[in-house]
Protein backbone atom coordinates (compact mmCIF):
# COMPACT_ATOMS: atom_id res chain seq x y z
CA MET A 1 38.62 16.94 15.26
CA ILE A 2 38.44 13.46 13.76
CA ARG A 3 41.08 11.01 14.93
CA ILE A 4 42.14 8.18 12.65
CA ALA A 5 44.07 5.19 13.93
CA PRO A 6 47.48 4.92 12.25
CA GLN A 7 46.74 1.34 11.14
CA THR A 8 43.48 2.42 9.50
CA PHE A 9 45.17 5.32 7.73
CA ALA A 10 48.00 3.05 6.56
CA ALA A 11 45.51 0.46 5.28
CA ALA A 12 43.57 3.10 3.37
CA LEU A 13 46.74 4.57 1.92
CA LEU A 14 47.90 1.11 0.84
CA LEU A 15 44.51 0.49 -0.76
CA LEU A 16 44.79 3.76 -2.64
CA VAL A 17 48.23 2.91 -4.01
CA ALA A 18 47.23 -0.68 -4.84
CA THR A 19 44.16 0.37 -6.82
CA GLY A 20 46.03 2.97 -8.85
CA CYS A 21 45.21 6.60 -9.29
CA SER A 22 43.33 6.36 -12.57
CA GLY A 23 39.57 6.27 -12.99
CA ASN A 24 36.62 8.44 -12.19
CA ARG A 25 36.70 8.02 -8.42
CA THR A 26 38.23 10.67 -6.21
CA VAL A 27 40.96 10.00 -3.68
CA GLY A 28 38.42 10.66 -0.92
CA GLU A 29 36.03 8.03 -2.30
CA ARG A 30 38.81 5.45 -2.46
CA ILE A 31 39.93 6.22 1.08
CA ASP A 32 36.32 6.04 2.35
CA ASP A 33 35.94 2.60 0.73
CA GLY A 34 39.28 1.57 2.24
CA PHE A 35 38.09 2.59 5.71
CA ILE A 36 34.85 0.64 5.26
CA THR A 37 36.78 -2.46 4.16
CA SER A 38 39.20 -2.11 7.09
CA LYS A 39 36.38 -1.71 9.60
CA ILE A 40 34.59 -4.80 8.31
CA GLU A 41 37.78 -6.87 8.23
CA THR A 42 38.46 -5.84 11.85
CA LYS A 43 34.93 -6.88 12.87
CA LEU A 44 35.32 -10.23 11.10
CA ALA A 45 38.68 -10.87 12.77
CA ALA A 46 37.16 -10.20 16.21
CA ASP A 47 34.12 -12.40 15.68
CA PRO A 48 34.61 -16.01 16.85
CA GLN A 49 31.78 -17.25 14.61
CA VAL A 50 33.39 -16.09 11.35
CA SER A 51 36.84 -17.03 10.11
CA ALA A 52 38.21 -13.76 8.76
CA PHE A 53 40.83 -15.69 6.78
CA ASN A 54 38.09 -17.32 4.70
CA VAL A 55 36.12 -14.14 3.92
CA GLY A 56 37.17 -11.51 1.40
CA VAL A 57 35.83 -7.96 1.60
CA ASP A 58 35.74 -5.53 -1.32
CA THR A 59 34.11 -2.10 -1.22
CA GLU A 60 33.29 0.20 -4.11
CA ASN A 61 31.19 3.34 -3.64
CA GLY A 62 29.92 2.01 -0.31
CA VAL A 63 28.76 -1.29 -1.81
CA VAL A 64 30.45 -4.17 0.00
CA ARG A 65 30.97 -7.55 -1.63
CA LEU A 66 31.74 -10.48 0.62
CA SER A 67 33.32 -13.60 -0.89
CA GLY A 68 34.90 -16.82 0.26
CA VAL A 69 33.81 -20.01 1.98
CA VAL A 70 32.53 -20.60 5.51
CA LYS A 71 31.47 -23.84 7.18
CA LYS A 72 28.00 -22.82 8.42
CA ALA A 73 25.07 -20.71 7.25
CA GLU A 74 25.20 -18.87 10.57
CA ALA A 75 28.73 -17.66 9.83
CA ARG A 76 27.64 -16.46 6.38
CA LYS A 77 24.76 -14.49 7.91
CA GLU A 78 26.96 -13.13 10.71
CA ALA A 79 29.51 -11.82 8.20
CA GLU A 80 26.72 -10.11 6.25
CA ASP A 81 25.24 -8.59 9.42
CA LEU A 82 28.64 -7.28 10.52
CA ALA A 83 29.15 -5.66 7.11
CA ARG A 84 25.62 -4.25 6.91
CA ASN A 85 25.98 -2.65 10.36
CA THR A 86 29.14 -0.74 9.46
CA ASP A 87 29.04 3.04 8.98
CA GLY A 88 29.20 4.07 5.34
CA VAL A 89 27.88 0.79 3.89
CA ARG A 90 25.10 1.40 1.39
CA ARG A 91 24.54 -2.22 0.35
CA VAL A 92 26.00 -5.69 0.90
CA VAL A 93 26.38 -8.35 -1.80
CA ASN A 94 26.97 -11.65 -0.04
CA ASP A 95 28.78 -14.09 -2.33
CA ILE A 96 30.04 -16.24 0.55
CA THR A 97 29.45 -19.94 -0.05
CA ILE A 98 28.99 -22.65 2.54
CA GLY A 99 31.30 -25.65 2.54
CA ASP A 100 34.74 -26.84 3.51
CA GLN A 101 37.87 -25.21 2.18
CA THR A 102 41.26 -26.63 3.02
CA LEU A 103 44.52 -24.75 3.13
CA GLY A 104 45.33 -26.38 -0.20
CA ASP A 105 42.10 -25.03 -1.69
CA ARG A 106 42.98 -21.51 -0.52
CA VAL A 107 46.46 -21.82 -2.00
CA ASN A 108 44.99 -23.05 -5.29
CA ASP A 109 42.49 -20.20 -5.35
CA GLY A 110 45.27 -17.71 -4.58
CA THR A 111 47.39 -19.10 -7.39
CA THR A 112 44.43 -18.90 -9.78
CA THR A 113 43.77 -15.28 -8.77
CA THR A 114 47.42 -14.41 -9.41
CA LYS A 115 47.37 -16.04 -12.85
CA VAL A 116 44.17 -14.22 -13.83
CA LYS A 117 45.61 -10.88 -12.65
CA ALA A 118 48.78 -11.51 -14.68
CA LYS A 119 46.76 -12.20 -17.83
CA LEU A 120 44.70 -9.06 -17.30
CA ALA A 121 47.84 -6.97 -16.72
CA ALA A 122 49.36 -8.25 -19.97
CA ASP A 123 46.39 -7.12 -22.06
CA PRO A 124 46.84 -3.56 -23.41
CA GLU A 125 43.07 -2.96 -23.57
CA ILE A 126 42.54 -3.65 -19.87
CA ASN A 127 43.54 -1.52 -16.89
CA PRO A 128 44.30 -4.14 -14.21
CA PHE A 129 44.23 -1.50 -11.45
CA LYS A 130 40.50 -1.09 -11.97
CA ILE A 131 39.64 -4.78 -11.71
CA ASP A 132 39.38 -6.85 -8.56
CA VAL A 133 39.80 -10.60 -8.94
CA ASP A 134 38.56 -13.09 -6.35
CA THR A 135 38.60 -16.87 -6.61
CA SER A 136 36.64 -19.34 -4.53
CA GLN A 137 36.71 -23.05 -5.34
CA GLY A 138 37.73 -22.36 -8.93
CA VAL A 139 35.04 -19.73 -9.57
CA VAL A 140 36.56 -16.37 -10.46
CA THR A 141 34.66 -13.15 -9.75
CA LEU A 142 35.69 -10.03 -11.66
CA SER A 143 34.50 -6.70 -10.27
CA GLY A 144 35.38 -3.10 -10.97
CA SER A 145 35.26 -1.23 -14.24
CA VAL A 146 36.52 -1.38 -17.81
CA SER A 147 36.48 1.09 -20.67
CA SER A 148 34.35 -0.89 -23.14
CA ARG A 149 32.08 -3.87 -23.66
CA LYS A 150 34.90 -5.49 -25.65
CA ALA A 151 37.27 -5.14 -22.66
CA LYS A 152 34.64 -6.68 -20.37
CA GLU A 153 34.27 -9.69 -22.67
CA GLU A 154 38.05 -9.99 -23.07
CA ALA A 155 38.59 -9.96 -19.30
CA GLU A 156 36.10 -12.80 -18.90
CA LYS A 157 37.70 -14.76 -21.75
CA LEU A 158 41.17 -14.31 -20.23
CA ALA A 159 39.99 -15.43 -16.80
CA MET A 160 38.25 -18.49 -18.23
CA SER A 161 41.44 -19.48 -20.07
CA VAL A 162 43.36 -19.98 -16.80
CA LYS A 163 43.82 -23.62 -15.82
CA GLY A 164 41.67 -24.47 -12.80
CA VAL A 165 38.96 -21.88 -13.49
CA THR A 166 35.58 -23.59 -13.59
CA ASP A 167 33.41 -20.49 -14.04
CA VAL A 168 33.63 -16.69 -14.22
CA ASN A 169 31.21 -14.34 -12.51
CA ASN A 170 31.69 -11.17 -14.55
CA ARG A 171 30.50 -8.15 -12.52
CA LEU A 172 32.60 -5.64 -14.45
CA LYS A 173 30.89 -2.37 -15.29
CA VAL A 174 31.54 -0.47 -18.49
CA GLU A 175 32.51 3.12 -17.68
CA ALA A 176 30.49 5.87 -19.29
CA LYS A 177 32.36 7.73 -22.01
CA LYS A 178 33.30 11.30 -21.13
């Protein structure tokens, strides 16, 4: 019998609800990715070398993307090692940058992320539940999936139109037509 900690189950369930129920991925795949994300976030929080508050973790199909800002190269590598050594992780994309980020910077990045998400949600051609938005020092990263090349380009254009965005890293994938 497999035992699951209530906090882990709750986090996975919340992730499932937050990402919506549409798309090609099964509930099991979304929960697995949620567990992977939760395990990595727990490892980061317990590691004194890495500030978990400065590192974002996103998982899709076992591929983990780390984002954010840390002060030292050692912390960047440690975060990647922690993620890579987590059960279920197929690959790690380390987009963590090295530098200083103040509380004000984090608030600005959070505000930018919220504005980008609002613009995406307002566009009828884009399903905002299938797009993850991360912002670090004014650079917005879009990941997830969209229904067409046009929607991918529109998402990037919308993100770039938000005040404070200096660049957009568009990692959106176009879903295969059924």
